């Protein structure tokens, strides 16, 4: 893991509203006013790694985040954002550079710390476009998201031929969805000095301990439609997480984060409240035992649920 990066990344998918934004996906509606104290609390605690994407609210997430990062010294914040092939400008000579320029403009900066290919729509087509971005200094590091092992290896071959390397992989990874581990991606990353960023560690709140069959996720939201039918199966896992959390004085959500860290990953935590930042800090200080990890993973396997997103291909 890159030692100059924090243990936890903070996600901004639910910041702002619009197409594929926080209001549609999460049932949220949070903007600059509500999020300013959240950002300030994170920076105060040394959590300065922020993950976004143009496709989150079609620029809305980046715009909200940039209103805070612009007030910081550039070297004091780490900005991670993404090229999403599905919204590429096909008329541009270099669609990846075009989308990157739109992010640079919104953030008011001349470089992005971590830039990703959001999904493997076409590894052969899109990966080479990362090379000039790195060589020009507009991007410091590059990564691939939602790629399987063969696609990660192919991306590395394409990049390394020009002296550039995959610095990180960002995939869906949680107690309920360990396909990247089972497919050997975590081992590959560890062996090759590649960071693994785990998104949806809390399964959009389903593993937070806040929701159960009596208290479902927000009706009418995409996450509610996805997870509410699974809550009966998930409850036993959350019960195990709650018991383990009581030993450390933390919530099931914090136990889920501590598990992801113990597995050698960098969890991306979506934050909209100051308390969530504080919880993340405490979670990063917990050291789970091998027995506790085993008990949770066993309970997770017994749920029998599949939380693979509609945008994801199978890892195995």
Protein backbone atom coordinates (compact mmCIF):
# COMPACT_ATOMS: atom_id res chain seq x y z
CA UNK A 1 0.00 0.00 0.00
CA UNK A 2 1.23 3.49 -0.79
CA UNK A 3 2.30 4.83 2.57
CA UNK A 4 1.58 8.43 1.57
CA UNK A 5 -2.10 7.55 1.15
CA UNK A 6 -4.47 7.19 4.14
CA UNK A 7 -5.87 3.83 5.28
CA UNK A 8 -9.36 4.88 4.18
CA UNK A 9 -10.64 6.73 1.12
CA UNK A 10 -13.76 8.87 1.36
CA UNK A 11 -16.36 8.42 -1.36
CA UNK A 12 -18.58 11.12 -2.83
CA UNK A 13 -20.98 9.15 -5.02
CA UNK A 14 -23.91 10.42 -2.96
CA UNK A 15 -22.79 14.08 -3.07
CA UNK A 16 -24.91 16.34 -5.23
CA UNK A 17 -27.85 15.27 -7.34
CA UNK A 18 -28.71 14.45 -10.93
CA UNK A 19 -28.26 11.56 -13.34
CA UNK A 20 -26.66 8.65 -11.38
CA UNK A 21 -26.35 11.05 -8.44
CA UNK A 22 -27.03 10.83 -4.73
CA UNK A 23 -30.73 11.60 -4.91
CA UNK A 24 -31.48 8.85 -7.43
CA UNK A 25 -29.17 6.14 -6.11
CA UNK A 26 -29.17 6.75 -2.35
CA UNK A 27 -32.32 8.76 -1.71
CA UNK A 28 -30.09 11.60 -0.44
CA UNK A 29 -30.03 15.29 -1.26
CA UNK A 30 -26.86 16.76 0.21
CA UNK A 31 -24.92 19.77 -1.04
CA UNK A 32 -22.18 22.18 -0.03
CA UNK A 33 -23.83 23.50 3.12
CA UNK A 34 -24.45 20.08 4.67
CA UNK A 35 -21.11 18.62 3.55
CA UNK A 36 -18.70 21.37 4.55
CA UNK A 37 -18.42 20.17 8.19
CA UNK A 38 -17.99 16.61 6.91
CA UNK A 39 -15.04 17.61 4.75
CA UNK A 40 -13.51 19.69 7.55
CA UNK A 41 -13.79 16.83 10.05
CA UNK A 42 -12.09 14.45 7.63
CA UNK A 43 -9.17 16.78 6.96
CA UNK A 44 -8.76 17.41 10.69
CA UNK A 45 -8.36 13.65 11.19
CA UNK A 46 -5.87 13.16 8.35
CA UNK A 47 -8.39 11.63 5.93
CA UNK A 48 -7.56 13.59 2.79
CA UNK A 49 -8.12 10.99 0.05
CA UNK A 50 -11.36 11.77 -1.84
CA UNK A 51 -12.86 9.55 -4.52
CA UNK A 52 -15.31 10.85 -7.14
CA UNK A 53 -16.26 10.41 -10.82
CA UNK A 54 -17.68 12.58 -13.57
CA UNK A 55 -20.62 10.18 -13.89
CA UNK A 56 -21.72 10.76 -10.27
CA UNK A 57 -24.48 13.28 -10.90
CA UNK A 58 -22.83 14.09 -14.26
CA UNK A 59 -20.27 16.38 -12.64
CA UNK A 60 -22.33 17.28 -9.56
CA UNK A 61 -20.22 15.22 -7.14
CA UNK A 62 -16.95 16.67 -8.44
CA UNK A 63 -18.38 20.20 -8.30
CA UNK A 64 -19.42 19.87 -4.65
CA UNK A 65 -16.09 18.30 -3.67
CA UNK A 66 -14.12 20.94 -5.58
CA UNK A 67 -15.76 23.73 -3.60
CA UNK A 68 -13.84 22.38 -0.59
CA UNK A 69 -10.60 21.18 -2.19
CA UNK A 70 -10.09 24.57 -3.86
CA UNK A 71 -9.84 26.11 -0.39
CA UNK A 72 -6.99 23.76 0.59
CA UNK A 73 -3.35 23.79 -0.42
CA UNK A 74 -3.28 21.48 -3.42
CA UNK A 75 -0.69 19.20 -1.83
CA UNK A 76 -2.90 18.76 1.26
CA UNK A 77 -5.65 16.88 -0.59
CA UNK A 78 -5.58 13.76 -2.73
CA UNK A 79 -8.12 13.74 -5.56
CA UNK A 80 -9.26 10.50 -7.18
CA UNK A 81 -11.69 10.55 -10.11
CA UNK A 82 -12.59 8.50 -13.15
CA UNK A 83 -13.06 8.18 -16.88
CA UNK A 84 -16.35 6.37 -17.54
CA UNK A 85 -16.46 4.93 -21.09
CA UNK A 86 -20.27 4.96 -21.27
CA UNK A 87 -20.38 8.78 -21.16
CA UNK A 88 -17.30 9.40 -23.33
CA UNK A 89 -17.38 12.11 -25.99
CA UNK A 90 -16.96 9.93 -29.06
CA UNK A 91 -16.36 13.02 -31.21
CA UNK A 92 -13.19 13.92 -29.29
CA UNK A 93 -9.80 12.92 -30.69
CA UNK A 94 -8.90 11.65 -27.21
CA UNK A 95 -12.10 11.00 -25.20
CA UNK A 96 -10.17 10.10 -22.04
CA UNK A 97 -8.19 13.35 -22.10
CA UNK A 98 -11.40 15.26 -22.80
CA UNK A 99 -13.12 13.85 -19.72
CA UNK A 100 -9.99 14.32 -17.63
CA UNK A 101 -9.83 17.98 -18.71
CA UNK A 102 -13.42 18.45 -17.55
CA UNK A 103 -12.43 17.12 -14.13
CA UNK A 104 -9.29 19.28 -13.99
CA UNK A 105 -11.44 22.30 -14.81
CA UNK A 106 -14.02 21.55 -12.12
CA UNK A 107 -11.34 20.99 -9.49
CA UNK A 108 -9.39 24.05 -10.60
CA UNK A 109 -6.15 22.08 -10.62
CA UNK A 110 -3.52 21.03 -13.14
CA UNK A 111 -3.22 17.42 -11.97
CA UNK A 112 -5.29 14.52 -10.61
CA UNK A 113 -3.65 12.31 -7.99
CA UNK A 114 -5.37 9.07 -9.03
CA UNK A 115 -7.22 8.59 -12.32
CA UNK A 116 -9.19 5.47 -13.16
CA UNK A 117 -10.72 3.68 -16.12
CA UNK A 118 -14.12 3.19 -14.48
CA UNK A 119 -15.00 -0.11 -16.13
CA UNK A 120 -13.55 -2.45 -18.77
CA UNK A 121 -15.81 -1.52 -21.66
CA UNK A 122 -12.83 -2.05 -23.97
CA UNK A 123 -9.43 -2.59 -22.33
CA UNK A 124 -7.55 -2.49 -25.64
CA UNK A 125 -9.19 0.78 -26.66
CA UNK A 126 -9.24 2.85 -23.49
CA UNK A 127 -6.14 1.83 -21.50
CA UNK A 128 -3.54 3.39 -23.88
CA UNK A 129 -5.12 6.83 -23.42
CA UNK A 130 -3.87 6.85 -19.81
CA UNK A 131 -0.24 6.90 -20.91
CA UNK A 132 -0.01 10.50 -22.23
CA UNK A 133 -1.93 11.75 -19.19
CA UNK A 134 0.72 10.32 -16.88
CA UNK A 135 3.64 11.43 -19.06
CA UNK A 136 2.26 14.99 -19.25
CA UNK A 137 1.91 15.17 -15.46
CA UNK A 138 -1.85 15.75 -15.60
CA UNK A 139 -2.32 12.44 -13.76
CA UNK A 140 0.03 11.21 -11.04
CA UNK A 141 -1.17 7.60 -10.80
CA UNK A 142 -3.60 5.43 -12.74
CA UNK A 143 -5.89 2.58 -11.80
CA UNK A 144 -8.57 0.31 -13.18
CA UNK A 145 -12.01 -0.28 -11.69
CA UNK A 146 -14.43 -3.19 -12.08
CA UNK A 147 -11.81 -5.15 -14.04
CA UNK A 148 -11.30 -8.90 -13.63
CA UNK A 149 -7.84 -10.43 -13.23
CA UNK A 150 -7.20 -11.02 -16.94
CA UNK A 151 -8.22 -7.43 -17.73
CA UNK A 152 -6.01 -6.03 -14.96
CA UNK A 153 -3.03 -7.99 -16.27
CA UNK A 154 -3.72 -6.84 -19.84
CA UNK A 155 -3.99 -3.22 -18.73
CA UNK A 156 -0.64 -3.56 -16.96
CA UNK A 157 0.94 -5.02 -20.11
CA UNK A 158 -0.30 -2.10 -22.21
CA UNK A 159 0.84 0.51 -19.70
CA UNK A 160 4.18 -1.04 -18.74
CA UNK A 161 5.27 -1.13 -22.38
CA UNK A 162 5.44 2.67 -22.05
CA UNK A 163 6.87 2.76 -18.51
CA UNK A 164 3.52 3.38 -16.81
CA UNK A 165 1.95 0.96 -14.32
CA UNK A 166 -1.38 0.09 -12.74
CA UNK A 167 -1.07 1.69 -9.30
CA UNK A 168 -4.41 0.54 -7.92
CA UNK A 169 -7.49 -1.60 -8.56
CA UNK A 170 -10.92 -0.42 -7.38
CA UNK A 171 -13.56 -3.15 -7.17
CA UNK A 172 -16.73 -3.94 -5.26
CA UNK A 173 -15.59 -5.88 -2.19
CA UNK A 174 -17.42 -6.61 1.03
CA UNK A 175 -18.25 -9.43 3.43
CA UNK A 176 -21.15 -10.22 1.11
CA UNK A 177 -19.18 -9.90 -2.13
CA UNK A 178 -15.66 -11.34 -2.04
CA UNK A 179 -15.35 -12.28 -5.72
CA UNK A 180 -12.15 -10.23 -6.19
CA UNK A 181 -10.55 -12.25 -3.40
CA UNK A 182 -11.79 -15.60 -4.70
CA UNK A 183 -10.60 -14.73 -8.23
CA UNK A 184 -7.05 -14.08 -6.99
CA UNK A 185 -7.13 -10.32 -7.59
CA UNK A 186 -6.21 -9.42 -3.99
CA UNK A 187 -3.25 -11.80 -4.12
CA UNK A 188 -2.13 -10.41 -7.49
CA UNK A 189 -2.27 -6.87 -6.15
CA UNK A 190 -0.32 -7.80 -3.02
CA UNK A 191 2.35 -9.60 -5.04
CA UNK A 192 2.77 -6.66 -7.43
CA UNK A 193 2.61 -3.72 -5.03
CA UNK A 194 -0.78 -2.60 -6.33
CA UNK A 195 -3.27 -1.02 -3.92
CA UNK A 196 -6.74 -2.56 -3.79
CA UNK A 197 -9.53 -0.06 -3.10
CA UNK A 198 -12.72 -1.70 -1.86
CA UNK A 199 -15.96 0.05 -2.68
CA UNK A 200 -19.42 -0.79 -1.30
CA UNK A 201 -17.84 -2.28 1.83
CA UNK A 202 -21.09 -1.44 3.64
CA UNK A 203 -23.24 -2.53 0.67
CA UNK A 204 -24.82 0.95 0.46
CA UNK A 205 -25.76 0.76 4.14
CA UNK A 206 -27.18 -2.78 4.23
CA UNK A 207 -24.25 -3.83 6.48
CA UNK A 208 -24.31 -0.70 8.62
CA UNK A 209 -26.56 -2.18 11.29
CA UNK A 210 -29.08 0.61 10.77
CA UNK A 211 -31.44 -1.41 8.59
CA UNK A 212 -33.39 -4.62 9.04
CA UNK A 213 -36.75 -6.03 8.00
CA UNK A 214 -38.46 -3.72 10.49
CA UNK A 215 -36.38 -0.72 9.39
CA UNK A 216 -35.79 -1.04 5.63
CA UNK A 217 -33.64 1.17 3.41
CA UNK A 218 -35.30 4.25 1.85
CA UNK A 219 -38.30 3.30 -0.27
CA UNK A 220 -38.09 4.42 -3.88
CA UNK A 221 -34.27 4.55 -3.92
CA UNK A 222 -32.20 2.17 -6.03
CA UNK A 223 -30.45 0.82 -2.95
CA UNK A 224 -33.79 0.15 -1.27
CA UNK A 225 -35.01 -1.80 -4.27
CA UNK A 226 -31.77 -3.81 -4.32
CA UNK A 227 -31.22 -4.59 -0.65
CA UNK A 228 -34.59 -4.59 1.10
CA UNK A 229 -35.49 -8.03 -0.35
CA UNK A 230 -32.17 -9.38 1.03
CA UNK A 231 -32.55 -8.07 4.59
CA UNK A 232 -34.00 -11.32 6.02
CA UNK A 233 -30.88 -13.25 4.91
CA UNK A 234 -28.46 -10.49 5.94
CA UNK A 235 -29.78 -10.09 9.50
CA UNK A 236 -27.84 -13.06 10.93
CA UNK A 237 -24.54 -11.71 9.56
CA UNK A 238 -25.25 -8.27 11.01
CA UNK A 239 -26.02 -9.94 14.34
CA UNK A 240 -22.56 -11.56 14.34
CA UNK A 241 -20.98 -8.20 13.40
CA UNK A 242 -22.89 -6.51 16.24
CA UNK A 243 -21.60 -8.99 18.83
CA UNK A 244 -18.01 -8.51 17.64
CA UNK A 245 -18.48 -4.74 17.61
CA UNK A 246 -19.65 -4.73 21.24
CA UNK A 247 -16.24 -6.06 22.27
CA UNK A 248 -14.59 -2.97 20.73
CA UNK A 249 -17.37 -0.51 21.49
CA UNK A 250 -18.17 0.04 17.82
CA UNK A 251 -21.06 -0.44 15.38
CA UNK A 252 -21.48 -3.15 12.73
CA UNK A 253 -20.52 -0.55 10.10
CA UNK A 254 -17.19 0.03 11.84
CA UNK A 255 -16.62 -3.72 12.09
CA UNK A 256 -17.16 -4.00 8.32
CA UNK A 257 -14.53 -1.29 7.74
CA UNK A 258 -12.09 -2.92 10.15
CA UNK A 259 -12.59 -6.22 8.29
CA UNK A 260 -11.79 -4.60 4.92
CA UNK A 261 -8.63 -3.01 6.36
CA UNK A 262 -7.60 -6.31 7.93
CA UNK A 263 -7.89 -7.91 4.48
CA UNK A 264 -5.23 -5.49 3.19
CA UNK A 265 -7.59 -3.23 1.26
CA UNK A 266 -8.33 0.50 1.28
CA UNK A 267 -12.06 0.80 1.92
CA UNK A 268 -13.90 3.67 0.26
CA UNK A 269 -16.46 5.04 2.67
CA UNK A 270 -19.30 7.20 1.46
CA UNK A 271 -19.66 10.06 3.94
CA UNK A 272 -22.49 12.56 4.33
CA UNK A 273 -22.33 13.10 8.11
CA UNK A 274 -19.58 14.19 10.53
CA UNK A 275 -20.32 11.12 12.66
CA UNK A 276 -19.49 8.83 9.72
CA UNK A 277 -16.03 10.36 9.47
CA UNK A 278 -15.50 9.91 13.19
CA UNK A 279 -16.68 6.31 12.95
CA UNK A 280 -14.25 5.66 10.11
CA UNK A 281 -11.34 7.00 12.17
CA UNK A 282 -12.23 4.70 15.07
CA UNK A 283 -12.69 1.72 12.75
CA UNK A 284 -9.16 2.20 11.38
CA UNK A 285 -7.80 1.72 14.91
CA UNK A 286 -9.40 -1.69 15.49
CA UNK A 287 -7.44 -4.93 15.02
CA UNK A 288 -9.80 -7.86 14.52
CA UNK A 289 -8.65 -11.36 15.44
CA UNK A 290 -8.42 -14.17 12.88
CA UNK A 291 -11.27 -15.93 14.71
CA UNK A 292 -13.52 -12.86 14.43
CA UNK A 293 -12.77 -12.51 10.73
CA UNK A 294 -13.52 -16.21 10.20
CA UNK A 295 -16.84 -16.02 12.07
CA UNK A 296 -18.02 -13.09 9.99
CA UNK A 297 -16.97 -14.65 6.70
CA UNK A 298 -18.73 -17.90 7.61
CA UNK A 299 -21.93 -16.02 8.47
CA UNK A 300 -21.64 -14.05 5.23
CA UNK A 301 -21.35 -17.22 3.14
CA UNK A 302 -24.50 -18.60 4.77
CA UNK A 303 -26.59 -15.63 3.60
CA UNK A 304 -26.45 -16.96 0.05
CA UNK A 305 -27.10 -13.49 -1.43
CA UNK A 306 -25.49 -12.04 -4.54
CA UNK A 307 -24.90 -8.28 -4.34
CA UNK A 308 -23.11 -7.91 -7.68
CA UNK A 309 -24.16 -4.62 -9.21
CA UNK A 310 -25.88 -4.42 -12.59
CA UNK A 311 -22.78 -2.61 -13.95
CA UNK A 312 -20.39 -5.39 -12.86
CA UNK A 313 -19.25 -8.43 -14.75
CA UNK A 314 -18.48 -11.59 -12.77
CA UNK A 315 -14.92 -11.67 -11.42
CA UNK A 316 -14.79 -15.45 -11.58
